[in-house]
Amino acid sequence: MFTYSTKGTCSRQIIFNVDENDTLRDVRFIGGCGGNLQGISKLVEGKHIDEVESLLAGIKCRNNTSCPDQLSKAITRYKAKRDGSLAEEE
């Protein structure tokens, strides 16, 4: 499980798994608008992380970001950590 603490959104965290094929699994948002975030989770489940990252990047709601945009940032962070280009805790 990878956990990302969001910034600038109603949701506080995004938790997800990535399988051996770089496919998103078990996407959960903590906090935020329940119905919308369940919908986003269902829509991205089973998709390749690169597709989801590029599709959701830059979607704005308030504070110049959104929950989908934060999921994109979470995937970017996950990939950096996985590839070793991110310090353990920034």
N, C-alpha and C. Protein backbone atom coordinates (compact mmCIF):
# COMPACT_ATOMS: atom_id res chain seq x y z
N MET A 1 0.83 -1.18 0.00
CA MET A 1 0.00 0.00 0.00
C MET A 1 0.88 1.25 0.00
N PHE A 2 0.50 2.21 -0.82
CA PHE A 2 1.17 3.49 -0.86
C PHE A 2 0.19 4.52 -0.32
N THR A 3 0.65 5.37 0.58
CA THR A 3 -0.18 6.41 1.17
C THR A 3 0.40 7.78 0.83
N TYR A 4 -0.48 8.65 0.36
CA TYR A 4 -0.10 10.01 0.00
C TYR A 4 -0.98 10.98 0.77
N SER A 5 -0.36 11.94 1.45
CA SER A 5 -1.11 12.98 2.15
C SER A 5 -1.35 14.13 1.18
N THR A 6 -2.63 14.42 0.95
CA THR A 6 -3.00 15.43 -0.04
C THR A 6 -2.75 16.84 0.49
N LYS A 7 -2.73 17.78 -0.45
CA LYS A 7 -2.55 19.19 -0.11
C LYS A 7 -3.60 20.01 -0.86
N GLY A 8 -4.36 20.83 -0.14
CA GLY A 8 -5.30 21.75 -0.76
C GLY A 8 -6.64 21.16 -1.14
N THR A 9 -6.97 19.97 -0.65
CA THR A 9 -8.26 19.35 -0.96
C THR A 9 -8.98 18.92 0.31
N CYS A 10 -10.25 18.60 0.15
CA CYS A 10 -11.04 18.11 1.29
C CYS A 10 -10.57 16.73 1.72
N SER A 11 -10.17 15.90 0.77
CA SER A 11 -9.63 14.59 1.16
C SER A 11 -8.28 14.80 1.82
N ARG A 12 -7.96 13.94 2.77
CA ARG A 12 -6.72 14.09 3.53
C ARG A 12 -5.62 13.16 3.04
N GLN A 13 -6.03 11.99 2.56
CA GLN A 13 -5.06 11.00 2.10
C GLN A 13 -5.62 10.21 0.93
N ILE A 14 -4.69 9.67 0.13
CA ILE A 14 -5.04 8.73 -0.92
C ILE A 14 -4.18 7.49 -0.68
N ILE A 15 -4.84 6.34 -0.68
CA ILE A 15 -4.16 5.08 -0.44
C ILE A 15 -4.42 4.18 -1.65
N PHE A 16 -3.37 3.54 -2.16
CA PHE A 16 -3.55 2.65 -3.30
C PHE A 16 -2.45 1.61 -3.37
N ASN A 17 -2.70 0.58 -4.15
CA ASN A 17 -1.71 -0.44 -4.50
C ASN A 17 -1.43 -0.34 -5.98
N VAL A 18 -0.25 -0.78 -6.36
CA VAL A 18 0.13 -0.89 -7.77
C VAL A 18 0.64 -2.32 -7.96
N ASP A 19 0.08 -3.03 -8.94
CA ASP A 19 0.50 -4.42 -9.15
C ASP A 19 1.75 -4.49 -10.02
N GLU A 20 2.18 -5.71 -10.32
CA GLU A 20 3.42 -5.93 -11.08
C GLU A 20 3.36 -5.40 -12.51
N ASN A 21 2.16 -5.10 -13.01
CA ASN A 21 2.00 -4.53 -14.35
C ASN A 21 1.78 -3.02 -14.32
N ASP A 22 2.08 -2.40 -13.18
CA ASP A 22 1.87 -0.95 -12.98
C ASP A 22 0.41 -0.55 -13.15
N THR A 23 -0.48 -1.41 -12.66
CA THR A 23 -1.91 -1.17 -12.70
C THR A 23 -2.39 -0.77 -11.31
N LEU A 24 -3.24 0.26 -11.25
CA LEU A 24 -3.78 0.73 -9.97
C LEU A 24 -4.78 -0.28 -9.40
N ARG A 25 -4.67 -0.50 -8.10
CA ARG A 25 -5.57 -1.38 -7.37
C ARG A 25 -5.92 -0.75 -6.03
N ASP A 26 -7.09 -1.05 -5.54
CA ASP A 26 -7.50 -0.67 -4.17
C ASP A 26 -7.35 0.83 -3.88
N VAL A 27 -7.82 1.67 -4.78
CA VAL A 27 -7.70 3.13 -4.61
C VAL A 27 -8.75 3.60 -3.61
N ARG A 28 -8.29 4.29 -2.57
CA ARG A 28 -9.18 4.83 -1.55
C ARG A 28 -8.77 6.25 -1.19
N PHE A 29 -9.77 7.11 -1.06
CA PHE A 29 -9.57 8.47 -0.59
C PHE A 29 -10.08 8.53 0.84
N ILE A 30 -9.33 9.20 1.70
CA ILE A 30 -9.75 9.40 3.09
C ILE A 30 -10.23 10.83 3.22
N GLY A 31 -11.48 11.01 3.62
CA GLY A 31 -12.08 12.33 3.70
C GLY A 31 -12.61 12.75 2.33
N GLY A 32 -13.15 13.94 2.25
CA GLY A 32 -13.64 14.46 0.98
C GLY A 32 -15.07 14.04 0.66
N CYS A 33 -15.49 14.28 -0.56
CA CYS A 33 -16.85 14.00 -1.03
C CYS A 33 -16.98 12.52 -1.39
N GLY A 34 -17.62 11.76 -0.52
CA GLY A 34 -17.68 10.31 -0.64
C GLY A 34 -18.10 9.78 -1.99
N GLY A 35 -19.21 10.24 -2.51
CA GLY A 35 -19.71 9.72 -3.78
C GLY A 35 -18.79 10.01 -4.94
N ASN A 36 -18.33 11.24 -5.03
CA ASN A 36 -17.42 11.61 -6.13
C ASN A 36 -16.12 10.82 -6.06
N LEU A 37 -15.58 10.68 -4.86
CA LEU A 37 -14.29 10.00 -4.73
C LEU A 37 -14.43 8.49 -4.93
N GLN A 38 -15.57 7.92 -4.56
CA GLN A 38 -15.80 6.51 -4.88
C GLN A 38 -15.88 6.32 -6.39
N GLY A 39 -16.49 7.29 -7.06
CA GLY A 39 -16.59 7.24 -8.51
C GLY A 39 -15.22 7.31 -9.17
N ILE A 40 -14.39 8.23 -8.71
CA ILE A 40 -13.03 8.34 -9.26
C ILE A 40 -12.28 7.02 -9.03
N SER A 41 -12.39 6.48 -7.83
CA SER A 41 -11.70 5.23 -7.52
C SER A 41 -12.12 4.12 -8.47
N LYS A 42 -13.41 3.98 -8.71
CA LYS A 42 -13.92 2.95 -9.62
C LYS A 42 -13.43 3.17 -11.04
N LEU A 43 -13.39 4.42 -11.48
CA LEU A 43 -12.97 4.72 -12.85
C LEU A 43 -11.48 4.45 -13.10
N VAL A 44 -10.64 4.63 -12.10
CA VAL A 44 -9.20 4.44 -12.30
C VAL A 44 -8.74 3.02 -11.96
N GLU A 45 -9.55 2.29 -11.24
CA GLU A 45 -9.21 0.92 -10.85
C GLU A 45 -8.92 0.08 -12.09
N GLY A 46 -7.77 -0.59 -12.11
CA GLY A 46 -7.41 -1.46 -13.22
C GLY A 46 -6.72 -0.76 -14.39
N LYS A 47 -6.51 0.55 -14.26
CA LYS A 47 -5.83 1.30 -15.33
C LYS A 47 -4.34 1.43 -15.02
N HIS A 48 -3.56 1.59 -16.06
CA HIS A 48 -2.11 1.76 -15.91
C HIS A 48 -1.82 3.10 -15.25
N ILE A 49 -0.84 3.12 -14.36
CA ILE A 49 -0.55 4.35 -13.60
C ILE A 49 -0.16 5.51 -14.50
N ASP A 50 0.53 5.25 -15.60
CA ASP A 50 0.92 6.36 -16.49
C ASP A 50 -0.30 7.00 -17.13
N GLU A 51 -1.28 6.18 -17.51
CA GLU A 51 -2.51 6.71 -18.11
C GLU A 51 -3.26 7.59 -17.12
N VAL A 52 -3.42 7.11 -15.89
CA VAL A 52 -4.16 7.85 -14.87
C VAL A 52 -3.41 9.13 -14.51
N GLU A 53 -2.10 9.03 -14.36
CA GLU A 53 -1.28 10.20 -14.01
C GLU A 53 -1.47 11.32 -15.03
N SER A 54 -1.37 11.00 -16.31
CA SER A 54 -1.48 12.05 -17.33
C SER A 54 -2.92 12.53 -17.51
N LEU A 55 -3.87 11.63 -17.36
CA LEU A 55 -5.28 11.98 -17.54
C LEU A 55 -5.78 12.96 -16.48
N LEU A 56 -5.35 12.79 -15.24
CA LEU A 56 -5.89 13.58 -14.13
C LEU A 56 -5.05 14.81 -13.77
N ALA A 57 -3.83 14.88 -14.26
CA ALA A 57 -2.94 16.00 -13.91
C ALA A 57 -3.55 17.32 -14.35
N GLY A 58 -3.54 18.29 -13.44
CA GLY A 58 -3.96 19.64 -13.79
C GLY A 58 -5.44 19.94 -13.65
N ILE A 59 -6.24 18.96 -13.23
CA ILE A 59 -7.66 19.24 -13.00
C ILE A 59 -7.77 20.13 -11.77
N LYS A 60 -8.47 21.25 -11.91
CA LYS A 60 -8.56 22.24 -10.82
C LYS A 60 -9.95 22.24 -10.20
N CYS A 61 -9.99 22.45 -8.90
CA CYS A 61 -11.24 22.64 -8.17
C CYS A 61 -11.06 23.90 -7.33
N ARG A 62 -10.50 23.76 -6.18
CA ARG A 62 -10.16 24.92 -5.35
C ARG A 62 -8.68 24.81 -4.99
N ASN A 63 -8.13 25.90 -4.52
CA ASN A 63 -6.71 25.93 -4.15
C ASN A 63 -5.80 25.49 -5.29
N ASN A 64 -6.27 25.70 -6.53
CA ASN A 64 -5.49 25.39 -7.73
C ASN A 64 -5.14 23.91 -7.86
N THR A 65 -5.94 23.04 -7.25
CA THR A 65 -5.76 21.59 -7.35
C THR A 65 -7.13 20.94 -7.18
N SER A 66 -7.17 19.62 -7.16
CA SER A 66 -8.41 18.87 -6.95
C SER A 66 -8.03 17.48 -6.46
N CYS A 67 -9.00 16.70 -6.06
CA CYS A 67 -8.71 15.32 -5.66
C CYS A 67 -8.15 14.49 -6.83
N PRO A 68 -8.70 14.62 -8.05
CA PRO A 68 -8.07 13.90 -9.17
C PRO A 68 -6.63 14.36 -9.42
N ASP A 69 -6.40 15.67 -9.35
CA ASP A 69 -5.04 16.19 -9.53
C ASP A 69 -4.12 15.65 -8.44
N GLN A 70 -4.61 15.56 -7.22
CA GLN A 70 -3.81 15.02 -6.12
C GLN A 70 -3.50 13.53 -6.34
N LEU A 71 -4.43 12.78 -6.94
CA LEU A 71 -4.14 11.39 -7.27
C LEU A 71 -3.02 11.32 -8.30
N SER A 72 -3.03 12.22 -9.27
CA SER A 72 -1.95 12.29 -10.25
C SER A 72 -0.62 12.56 -9.54
N LYS A 73 -0.61 13.49 -8.61
CA LYS A 73 0.60 13.81 -7.86
C LYS A 73 1.04 12.63 -6.99
N ALA A 74 0.07 11.90 -6.44
CA ALA A 74 0.39 10.72 -5.64
C ALA A 74 1.08 9.66 -6.49
N ILE A 75 0.61 9.48 -7.71
CA ILE A 75 1.23 8.51 -8.61
C ILE A 75 2.65 8.96 -8.97
N THR A 76 2.83 10.24 -9.23
CA THR A 76 4.16 10.78 -9.51
C THR A 76 5.09 10.49 -8.35
N ARG A 77 4.61 10.74 -7.13
CA ARG A 77 5.41 10.49 -5.92
C ARG A 77 5.71 9.00 -5.77
N TYR A 78 4.71 8.16 -6.01
CA TYR A 78 4.90 6.70 -5.93
C TYR A 78 6.01 6.26 -6.89
N LYS A 79 5.95 6.74 -8.14
CA LYS A 79 6.93 6.33 -9.14
C LYS A 79 8.34 6.81 -8.77
N ALA A 80 8.45 8.01 -8.24
CA ALA A 80 9.75 8.54 -7.82
C ALA A 80 10.32 7.70 -6.68
N LYS A 81 9.48 7.34 -5.74
CA LYS A 81 9.94 6.52 -4.62
C LYS A 81 10.32 5.13 -5.10
N ARG A 82 9.50 4.55 -5.95
CA ARG A 82 9.76 3.21 -6.49
C ARG A 82 11.08 3.18 -7.26
N ASP A 83 11.34 4.24 -8.02
CA ASP A 83 12.52 4.30 -8.86
C ASP A 83 13.76 4.79 -8.12
N GLY A 84 13.58 5.14 -6.85
CA GLY A 84 14.72 5.56 -6.04
C GLY A 84 15.16 6.99 -6.24
N SER A 85 14.34 7.80 -6.89
CA SER A 85 14.72 9.19 -7.13
C SER A 85 14.10 10.14 -6.11
N LEU A 86 13.54 9.58 -5.05
CA LEU A 86 12.91 10.39 -4.00
C LEU A 86 13.47 9.95 -2.67
N ALA A 87 13.87 10.91 -1.84
CA ALA A 87 14.33 10.61 -0.51
C ALA A 87 13.21 9.91 0.27
N GLU A 88 13.56 9.13 1.24
CA GLU A 88 12.58 8.36 2.01
C GLU A 88 11.41 9.21 2.48
N GLU A 89 11.67 10.34 3.07
CA GLU A 89 10.60 11.25 3.49
C GLU A 89 11.01 12.66 3.13
N GLU A 90 10.25 13.28 2.25
CA GLU A 90 10.54 14.68 1.89
C GLU A 90 9.65 15.60 2.67
